[in-house]
PDB file of N, CA and C in Angstrom:
ATOM      1  N   MET A   1     -20.632 -47.322  -2.464  1.00  0.00           N
ATOM      2  CA  MET A   1     -19.103 -47.387  -3.179  1.00  0.00           C
ATOM      3  C   MET A   1     -19.232 -48.264  -4.384  1.00  0.00           C
ATOM      4  N   GLU A   2     -18.739 -47.895  -5.645  1.00  0.00           N
ATOM      5  CA  GLU A   2     -19.127 -48.620  -6.655  1.00  0.00           C
ATOM      6  C   GLU A   2     -17.772 -48.523  -7.399  1.00  0.00           C
ATOM      7  N   GLY A   3     -17.999 -49.650  -8.388  1.00  0.00           N
ATOM      8  CA  GLY A   3     -16.737 -49.466  -9.387  1.00  0.00           C
ATOM      9  C   GLY A   3     -16.093 -51.155  -9.660  1.00  0.00           C
ATOM     10  N   THR A   4     -15.107 -51.297  -9.958  1.00  0.00           N
ATOM     11  CA  THR A   4     -14.560 -52.774 -10.616  1.00  0.00           C
ATOM     12  C   THR A   4     -13.045 -52.758 -10.146  1.00  0.00           C
ATOM     13  N   ILE A   5     -12.720 -53.729  -9.706  1.00  0.00           N
ATOM     14  CA  ILE A   5     -11.264 -54.432  -9.436  1.00  0.00           C
ATOM     15  C   ILE A   5     -11.019 -55.859 -10.411  1.00  0.00           C
ATOM     16  N   GLU A   6     -10.015 -55.814 -10.778  1.00  0.00           N
ATOM     17  CA  GLU A   6      -9.690 -57.075 -11.747  1.00  0.00           C
ATOM     18  C   GLU A   6      -8.532 -57.557 -10.936  1.00  0.00           C
ATOM     19  N   VAL A   7      -8.527 -58.933 -10.736  1.00  0.00           N
ATOM     20  CA  VAL A   7      -7.390 -59.577  -9.882  1.00  0.00           C
ATOM     21  C   VAL A   7      -7.349 -60.876 -10.449  1.00  0.00           C
ATOM     22  N   THR A   8      -5.912 -61.662  -9.935  1.00  0.00           N
ATOM     23  CA  THR A   8      -5.717 -62.909 -10.497  1.00  0.00           C
ATOM     24  C   THR A   8      -6.520 -63.908  -9.446  1.00  0.00           C
ATOM     25  N   THR A   9      -6.294 -65.120  -9.612  1.00  0.00           N
ATOM     26  CA  THR A   9      -6.902 -65.870  -8.634  1.00  0.00           C
ATOM     27  C   THR A   9      -5.961 -66.207  -7.710  1.00  0.00           C
ATOM     28  N   THR A  10      -4.730 -65.870  -7.710  1.00  0.00           N
ATOM     29  CA  THR A  10      -3.722 -65.710  -6.659  1.00  0.00           C
ATOM     30  C   THR A  10      -3.897 -64.737  -5.987  1.00  0.00           C
ATOM     31  N   GLU A  11      -4.304 -63.478  -6.243  1.00  0.00           N
ATOM     32  CA  GLU A  11      -4.265 -62.252  -5.499  1.00  0.00           C
ATOM     33  C   GLU A  11      -5.753 -62.519  -4.675  1.00  0.00           C
ATOM     34  N   LEU A  12      -6.817 -63.102  -5.332  1.00  0.00           N
ATOM     35  CA  LEU A  12      -7.906 -63.606  -4.887  1.00  0.00           C
ATOM     36  C   LEU A  12      -7.455 -64.258  -3.389  1.00  0.00           C
ATOM     37  N   ARG A  13      -6.984 -65.283  -3.989  1.00  0.00           N
ATOM     38  CA  ARG A  13      -6.367 -66.366  -2.487  1.00  0.00           C
ATOM     39  C   ARG A  13      -5.409 -65.998  -1.693  1.00  0.00           C
ATOM     40  N   GLN A  14      -4.763 -64.887  -2.063  1.00  0.00           N
ATOM     41  CA  GLN A  14      -3.968 -64.489  -0.936  1.00  0.00           C
ATOM     42  C   GLN A  14      -4.741 -63.180  -0.209  1.00  0.00           C
ATOM     43  N   ASN A  15      -5.614 -62.816  -0.628  1.00  0.00           N
ATOM     44  CA  ASN A  15      -6.672 -61.378  -0.222  1.00  0.00           C
ATOM     45  C   ASN A  15      -7.901 -61.896  -0.100  1.00  0.00           C
ATOM     46  N   GLN A  16      -8.376 -63.051   0.274  1.00  0.00           N
ATOM     47  CA  GLN A  16      -9.728 -63.042   0.078  1.00  0.00           C
ATOM     48  C   GLN A  16     -10.416 -62.280   0.990  1.00  0.00           C
ATOM     49  N   LYS A  17     -10.357 -62.192   2.259  1.00  0.00           N
ATOM     50  CA  LYS A  17     -10.663 -61.068   2.933  1.00  0.00           C
ATOM     51  C   LYS A  17     -11.023 -59.347   2.394  1.00  0.00           C
ATOM     52  N   LYS A  18      -9.783 -59.121   1.898  1.00  0.00           N
ATOM     53  CA  LYS A  18      -9.913 -57.993   1.632  1.00  0.00           C
ATOM     54  C   LYS A  18     -11.095 -57.822   0.399  1.00  0.00           C
ATOM     55  N   PHE A  19     -11.171 -58.954  -0.746  1.00  0.00           N
ATOM     56  CA  PHE A  19     -12.095 -58.535  -1.857  1.00  0.00           C
ATOM     57  C   PHE A  19     -13.357 -58.789  -1.363  1.00  0.00           C
ATOM     58  N   LEU A  20     -13.348 -59.892  -0.487  1.00  0.00           N
ATOM     59  CA  LEU A  20     -14.914 -59.676  -0.095  1.00  0.00           C
ATOM     60  C   LEU A  20     -15.168 -58.556   0.539  1.00  0.00           C
ATOM     61  N   ASP A  21     -14.601 -58.180   1.139  1.00  0.00           N
ATOM     62  CA  ASP A  21     -14.961 -56.756   2.207  1.00  0.00           C
ATOM     63  C   ASP A  21     -15.405 -55.499   0.909  1.00  0.00           C
ATOM     64  N   LEU A  22     -14.245 -55.486  -0.196  1.00  0.00           N
ATOM     65  CA  LEU A  22     -14.982 -54.909  -0.841  1.00  0.00           C
ATOM     66  C   LEU A  22     -16.050 -55.155  -1.777  1.00  0.00           C
ATOM     67  N   ALA A  23     -16.329 -56.048  -2.099  1.00  0.00           N
ATOM     68  CA  ALA A  23     -17.553 -56.704  -2.759  1.00  0.00           C
ATOM     69  C   ALA A  23     -18.658 -56.464  -1.902  1.00  0.00           C
ATOM     70  N   ALA A  24     -18.576 -56.502  -0.659  1.00  0.00           N
ATOM     71  CA  ALA A  24     -19.872 -55.960   0.253  1.00  0.00           C
ATOM     72  C   ALA A  24     -20.124 -54.714   0.423  1.00  0.00           C
ATOM     73  N   GLN A  25     -18.936 -53.977   0.014  1.00  0.00           N
ATOM     74  CA  GLN A  25     -19.071 -52.477   0.033  1.00  0.00           C
ATOM     75  C   GLN A  25     -19.734 -51.914  -1.445  1.00  0.00           C
ATOM     76  N   GLY A  26     -20.065 -52.847  -2.379  1.00  0.00           N
ATOM     77  CA  GLY A  26     -20.550 -52.681  -3.863  1.00  0.00           C
ATOM     78  C   GLY A  26     -19.496 -52.742  -4.941  1.00  0.00           C
ATOM     79  N   ILE A  27     -18.034 -52.689  -4.582  1.00  0.00           N
ATOM     80  CA  ILE A  27     -17.171 -53.157  -5.779  1.00  0.00           C
ATOM     81  C   ILE A  27     -17.401 -54.562  -6.234  1.00  0.00           C
ATOM     82  N   SER A  28     -17.494 -54.491  -7.717  1.00  0.00           N
ATOM     83  CA  SER A  28     -17.315 -55.949  -8.557  1.00  0.00           C
ATOM     84  C   SER A  28     -15.996 -55.946  -8.630  1.00  0.00           C
ATOM     85  N   ILE A  29     -15.763 -57.125  -7.975  1.00  0.00           N
ATOM     86  CA  ILE A  29     -14.503 -57.771  -8.313  1.00  0.00           C
ATOM     87  C   ILE A  29     -14.221 -58.976  -9.740  1.00  0.00           C
ATOM     88  N   LEU A  30     -13.430 -58.534 -10.243  1.00  0.00           N
ATOM     89  CA  LEU A  30     -13.460 -59.395 -11.492  1.00  0.00           C
ATOM     90  C   LEU A  30     -12.219 -60.403 -11.393  1.00  0.00           C
ATOM     91  N   VAL A  31     -12.331 -61.505 -11.420  1.00  0.00           N
ATOM     92  CA  VAL A  31     -11.410 -62.558 -11.103  1.00  0.00           C
ATOM     93  C   VAL A  31     -10.743 -63.263 -12.795  1.00  0.00           C
ATOM     94  N   CYS A  32      -9.517 -63.262 -12.785  1.00  0.00           N
ATOM     95  CA  CYS A  32      -9.231 -63.805 -14.428  1.00  0.00           C
ATOM     96  C   CYS A  32      -8.137 -64.880 -13.866  1.00  0.00           C
ATOM     97  N   ARG A  33      -8.579 -66.162 -14.858  1.00  0.00           N
ATOM     98  CA  ARG A  33      -8.147 -67.413 -14.807  1.00  0.00           C
ATOM     99  C   ARG A  33      -7.734 -67.575 -15.784  1.00  0.00           C
ATOM    100  N   GLY A  34      -6.608 -67.286 -16.127  1.00  0.00           N
ATOM    101  CA  GLY A  34      -5.987 -67.944 -17.789  1.00  0.00           C
ATOM    102  C   GLY A  34      -7.046 -67.041 -18.713  1.00  0.00           C
ATOM    103  N   LYS A  35      -7.712 -67.030 -19.633  1.00  0.00           N
ATOM    104  CA  LYS A  35      -8.865 -66.497 -20.622  1.00  0.00           C
ATOM    105  C   LYS A  35     -10.144 -66.587 -19.934  1.00  0.00           C
ATOM    106  N   GLU A  36     -10.166 -67.153 -19.004  1.00  0.00           N
ATOM    107  CA  GLU A  36     -11.736 -66.857 -18.387  1.00  0.00           C
ATOM    108  C   GLU A  36     -11.888 -65.712 -17.256  1.00  0.00           C
ATOM    109  N   LEU A  37     -13.401 -65.097 -17.062  1.00  0.00           N
ATOM    110  CA  LEU A  37     -13.278 -64.100 -16.176  1.00  0.00           C
ATOM    111  C   LEU A  37     -14.302 -64.474 -15.539  1.00  0.00           C
ATOM    112  N   PHE A  38     -14.291 -64.131 -14.245  1.00  0.00           N
ATOM    113  CA  PHE A  38     -15.455 -64.524 -13.216  1.00  0.00           C
ATOM    114  C   PHE A  38     -15.687 -63.246 -12.218  1.00  0.00           C
ATOM    115  N   GLN A  39     -16.868 -62.999 -12.268  1.00  0.00           N
ATOM    116  CA  GLN A  39     -17.370 -61.737 -11.502  1.00  0.00           C
ATOM    117  C   GLN A  39     -17.695 -62.060  -9.822  1.00  0.00           C
ATOM    118  N   LEU A  40     -17.128 -61.353  -8.951  1.00  0.00           N
ATOM    119  CA  LEU A  40     -17.573 -61.394  -7.256  1.00  0.00           C
ATOM    120  C   LEU A  40     -18.346 -60.291  -7.237  1.00  0.00           C
ATOM    121  N   THR A  41     -19.338 -60.769  -6.677  1.00  0.00           N
ATOM    122  CA  THR A  41     -20.478 -59.451  -6.301  1.00  0.00           C
ATOM    123  C   THR A  41     -21.296 -60.062  -4.850  1.00  0.00           C
ATOM    124  N   ARG A  42     -21.463 -58.742  -4.126  1.00  0.00           N
ATOM    125  CA  ARG A  42     -22.542 -59.398  -3.180  1.00  0.00           C
ATOM    126  C   ARG A  42     -23.690 -59.791  -3.793  1.00  0.00           C
ATOM    127  N   VAL A  43     -24.333 -60.881  -2.879  1.00  0.00           N
ATOM    128  CA  VAL A  43     -25.453 -61.429  -3.170  1.00  0.00           C
ATOM    129  C   VAL A  43     -26.812 -60.916  -2.206  1.00  0.00           C
ATOM    130  N   PRO A  44     -28.018 -60.419  -2.127  1.00  0.00           N
ATOM    131  CA  PRO A  44     -28.416 -60.285  -1.273  1.00  0.00           C
ATOM    132  C   PRO A  44     -28.983 -61.481  -0.234  1.00  0.00           C
ATOM    133  N   THR A  45     -29.111 -61.167   0.763  1.00  0.00           N
ATOM    134  CA  THR A  45     -29.440 -62.550   1.582  1.00  0.00           C
ATOM    135  C   THR A  45     -30.617 -63.162   1.408  1.00  0.00           C
ATOM    136  N   GLU A  46     -31.708 -62.489   0.993  1.00  0.00           N
ATOM    137  CA  GLU A  46     -32.916 -63.028   0.608  1.00  0.00           C
ATOM    138  C   GLU A  46     -32.553 -64.199  -0.531  1.00  0.00           C
ATOM    139  N   ARG A  47     -31.853 -64.113  -1.443  1.00  0.00           N
ATOM    140  CA  ARG A  47     -31.585 -64.935  -2.176  1.00  0.00           C
ATOM    141  C   ARG A  47     -31.113 -66.369  -1.745  1.00  0.00           C
ATOM    142  N   ARG A  48     -30.560 -66.255  -0.523  1.00  0.00           N
ATOM    143  CA  ARG A  48     -30.041 -67.650   0.070  1.00  0.00           C
ATOM    144  C   ARG A  48     -31.633 -68.434   0.411  1.00  0.00           C
ATOM    145  N   LEU A  49     -32.644 -67.773   0.239  1.00  0.00           N
ATOM    146  CA  LEU A  49     -34.104 -68.346   1.022  1.00  0.00           C
ATOM    147  C   LEU A  49     -34.406 -69.493   0.237  1.00  0.00           C
ATOM    148  N   ASP A  50     -35.046 -70.378   0.429  1.00  0.00           N
ATOM    149  CA  ASP A  50     -35.751 -71.708  -0.243  1.00  0.00           C
ATOM    150  C   ASP A  50     -37.187 -70.701  -0.964  1.00  0.00           C
ATOM    151  N   ASP A  51     -37.386 -71.850  -2.128  1.00  0.00           N
ATOM    152  CA  ASP A  51     -38.412 -71.437  -2.934  1.00  0.00           C
ATOM    153  C   ASP A  51     -39.726 -71.158  -2.155  1.00  0.00           C
ATOM    154  N   GLU A  52     -40.027 -71.828  -1.133  1.00  0.00           N
ATOM    155  CA  GLU A  52     -41.212 -71.772  -0.295  1.00  0.00           C
ATOM    156  C   GLU A  52     -41.154 -70.404   0.255  1.00  0.00           C
ATOM    157  N   THR A  53     -40.371 -70.438   0.695  1.00  0.00           N
ATOM    158  CA  THR A  53     -39.970 -69.081   1.825  1.00  0.00           C
ATOM    159  C   THR A  53     -39.936 -67.526   1.052  1.00  0.00           C
ATOM    160  N   MET A  54     -39.423 -67.727  -0.234  1.00  0.00           N
ATOM    161  CA  MET A  54     -39.544 -66.835  -0.973  1.00  0.00           C
ATOM    162  C   MET A  54     -40.935 -66.275  -1.627  1.00  0.00           C
ATOM    163  N   ARG A  55     -41.604 -67.656  -1.913  1.00  0.00           N
ATOM    164  CA  ARG A  55     -43.279 -67.552  -2.192  1.00  0.00           C
ATOM    165  C   ARG A  55     -43.903 -66.736  -1.039  1.00  0.00           C
ATOM    166  N   GLN A  56     -43.683 -67.164   0.363  1.00  0.00           N
ATOM    167  CA  GLN A  56     -44.676 -66.585   1.115  1.00  0.00           C
ATOM    168  C   GLN A  56     -44.072 -65.329   1.404  1.00  0.00           C
ATOM    169  N   ILE A  57     -42.965 -64.924   1.125  1.00  0.00           N
ATOM    170  CA  ILE A  57     -42.437 -63.312   1.252  1.00  0.00           C
ATOM    171  C   ILE A  57     -43.097 -62.510   0.473  1.00  0.00           C
ATOM    172  N   GLU A  58     -43.148 -62.954  -1.056  1.00  0.00           N
ATOM    173  CA  GLU A  58     -43.684 -62.086  -2.083  1.00  0.00           C
ATOM    174  C   GLU A  58     -45.104 -62.154  -1.609  1.00  0.00           C
ATOM    175  N   GLN A  59     -46.001 -63.147  -1.532  1.00  0.00           N
ATOM    176  CA  GLN A  59     -47.637 -63.295  -0.982  1.00  0.00           C
ATOM    177  C   GLN A  59     -47.571 -62.065   0.061  1.00  0.00           C
ATOM    178  N   ALA A  60     -46.782 -62.027   1.065  1.00  0.00           N
ATOM    179  CA  ALA A  60     -46.948 -60.913   2.064  1.00  0.00           C
ATOM    180  C   ALA A  60     -47.037 -59.714   1.534  1.00  0.00           C
ATOM    181  N   ARG A  61     -45.882 -59.551   0.727  1.00  0.00           N
ATOM    182  CA  ARG A  61     -45.655 -58.241   0.162  1.00  0.00           C
ATOM    183  C   ARG A  61     -46.613 -57.712  -0.530  1.00  0.00           C
ATOM    184  N   GLN A  62     -47.216 -58.662  -1.594  1.00  0.00           N
ATOM    185  CA  GLN A  62     -48.529 -58.475  -2.119  1.00  0.00           C
ATOM    186  C   GLN A  62     -50.009 -57.937  -1.456  1.00  0.00           C
ATOM    187  N   GLU A  63     -49.892 -58.755   0.062  1.00  0.00           N
ATOM    188  CA  GLU A  63     -50.853 -58.495   0.622  1.00  0.00           C
ATOM    189  C   GLU A  63     -50.450 -57.039   1.111  1.00  0.00           C
ATOM    190  N   PHE A  64     -49.407 -56.616   1.611  1.00  0.00           N
ATOM    191  CA  PHE A  64     -49.303 -55.284   2.192  1.00  0.00           C
ATOM    192  C   PHE A  64     -49.653 -54.389   1.159  1.00  0.00           C
ATOM    193  N   LYS A  65     -49.250 -54.610  -0.013  1.00  0.00           N
ATOM    194  CA  LYS A  65     -49.525 -53.720  -1.246  1.00  0.00           C
ATOM    195  C   LYS A  65     -50.683 -53.520  -1.546  1.00  0.00           C
ATOM    196  N   ASN A  66     -51.624 -54.494  -1.073  1.00  0.00           N
ATOM    197  CA  ASN A  66     -53.033 -54.661  -1.425  1.00  0.00           C
ATOM    198  C   ASN A  66     -54.049 -53.958  -0.173  1.00  0.00           C
ATOM    199  N   GLY A  67     -52.840 -53.418   0.782  1.00  0.00           N
ATOM    200  CA  GLY A  67     -53.650 -52.991   1.878  1.00  0.00           C
ATOM    201  C   GLY A  67     -54.123 -54.433   2.859  1.00  0.00           C
ATOM    202  N   GLU A  68     -54.280 -55.229   2.288  1.00  0.00           N
ATOM    203  CA  GLU A  68     -54.380 -56.381   3.491  1.00  0.00           C
ATOM    204  C   GLU A  68     -53.707 -56.390   4.853  1.00  0.00           C
ATOM    205  N   THR A  69     -53.450 -55.685   5.339  1.00  0.00           N
ATOM    206  CA  THR A  69     -53.065 -55.803   6.878  1.00  0.00           C
ATOM    207  C   THR A  69     -53.563 -55.538   7.754  1.00  0.00           C
ATOM    208  N   TYR A  70     -53.231 -55.777   9.092  1.00  0.00           N
ATOM    209  CA  TYR A  70     -53.928 -55.445  10.591  1.00  0.00           C
ATOM    210  C   TYR A  70     -53.048 -54.872  11.204  1.00  0.00           C
ATOM    211  N   SER A  71     -53.343 -53.352  11.625  1.00  0.00           N
ATOM    212  CA  SER A  71     -52.390 -52.669  12.596  1.00  0.00           C
ATOM    213  C   SER A  71     -53.284 -52.597  13.910  1.00  0.00           C
ATOM    214  N   VAL A  72     -52.173 -52.764  15.121  1.00  0.00           N
ATOM    215  CA  VAL A  72     -52.599 -52.740  16.313  1.00  0.00           C
ATOM    216  C   VAL A  72     -52.200 -51.552  17.177  1.00  0.00           C
ATOM    217  N   LYS A  73     -52.648 -50.842  17.698  1.00  0.00           N
ATOM    218  CA  LYS A  73     -52.304 -49.495  18.484  1.00  0.00           C
ATOM    219  C   LYS A  73     -52.142 -49.587  19.752  1.00  0.00           C
ATOM    220  N   SER A  74     -52.436 -50.528  20.512  1.00  0.00           N
ATOM    221  CA  SER A  74     -52.127 -51.084  22.135  1.00  0.00           C
ATOM    222  C   SER A  74     -51.679 -52.370  22.483  1.00  0.00           C
ATOM    223  N   ILE A  75     -51.256 -52.156  23.544  1.00  0.00           N
ATOM    224  CA  ILE A  75     -51.074 -53.838  23.937  1.00  0.00           C
ATOM    225  C   ILE A  75     -52.567 -54.654  23.784  1.00  0.00           C
ATOM    226  N   GLU A  76     -53.249 -54.287  24.170  1.00  0.00           N
ATOM    227  CA  GLU A  76     -54.789 -55.059  24.599  1.00  0.00           C
ATOM    228  C   GLU A  76     -55.126 -55.272  22.996  1.00  0.00           C
ATOM    229  N   GLU A  77     -54.988 -54.611  22.036  1.00  0.00           N
ATOM    230  CA  GLU A  77     -55.411 -54.826  20.567  1.00  0.00           C
ATOM    231  C   GLU A  77     -54.592 -55.904  20.157  1.00  0.00           C
ATOM    232  N   LEU A  78     -53.267 -55.516  20.493  1.00  0.00           N
ATOM    233  CA  LEU A  78     -52.463 -56.966  20.027  1.00  0.00           C
ATOM    234  C   LEU A  78     -52.707 -58.567  20.757  1.00  0.00           C
ATOM    235  N   HIS A  79     -53.359 -58.422  22.020  1.00  0.00           N
ATOM    236  CA  HIS A  79     -53.532 -59.631  22.392  1.00  0.00           C
ATOM    237  C   HIS A  79     -54.668 -60.024  21.882  1.00  0.00           C
ATOM    238  N   GLN A  80     -55.998 -59.286  21.251  1.00  0.00           N
ATOM    239  CA  GLN A  80     -57.031 -59.575  21.109  1.00  0.00           C
ATOM    240  C   GLN A  80     -56.901 -60.126  19.713  1.00  0.00           C
ATOM    241  N   PHE A  81     -55.841 -59.665  19.014  1.00  0.00           N
ATOM    242  CA  PHE A  81     -55.579 -59.988  17.669  1.00  0.00           C
ATOM    243  C   PHE A  81     -54.624 -61.284  18.040  1.00  0.00           C
ATOM    244  N   LEU A  82     -54.028 -61.445  18.613  1.00  0.00           N
ATOM    245  CA  LEU A  82     -53.299 -62.829  18.568  1.00  0.00           C
ATOM    246  C   LEU A  82     -54.108 -64.093  19.206  1.00  0.00           C
ATOM    247  N   GLU A  83     -55.019 -63.892  20.173  1.00  0.00           N
ATOM    248  CA  GLU A  83     -56.383 -64.712  20.923  1.00  0.00           C
ATOM    249  C   GLU A  83     -57.347 -65.096  19.311  1.00  0.00           C
ATOM    250  N   ALA A  84     -57.260 -64.285  18.635  1.00  0.00           N
ATOM    251  CA  ALA A  84     -58.225 -64.288  17.503  1.00  0.00           C
ATOM    252  C   ALA A  84     -57.988 -65.354  16.244  1.00  0.00           C
ATOM    253  N   LEU A  85     -56.419 -65.824  16.509  1.00  0.00           N
ATOM    254  CA  LEU A  85     -55.599 -66.585  15.740  1.00  0.00           C
ATOM    255  C   LEU A  85     -55.934 -67.856  15.573  1.00  0.00           C
TER     256      LEU A  85
END
């Protein structure tokens, strides 16, 4: 679901759950405060991770992209892999 809804700060305060639920569905909420305009949108969870964690995730993604992975097809292979670590 996409779209935009414009609300006042009073409407946002009175219906916070409603507007957060709409933002979670992909609707952009514009909040008007006097002459100022703010945008309320859902932010992916990974943005909340610290820089080091994000660096590690990106490194793992790159390793996967480069085929630098190890796959196991049985419990025995998994045990062998874990014992080798």
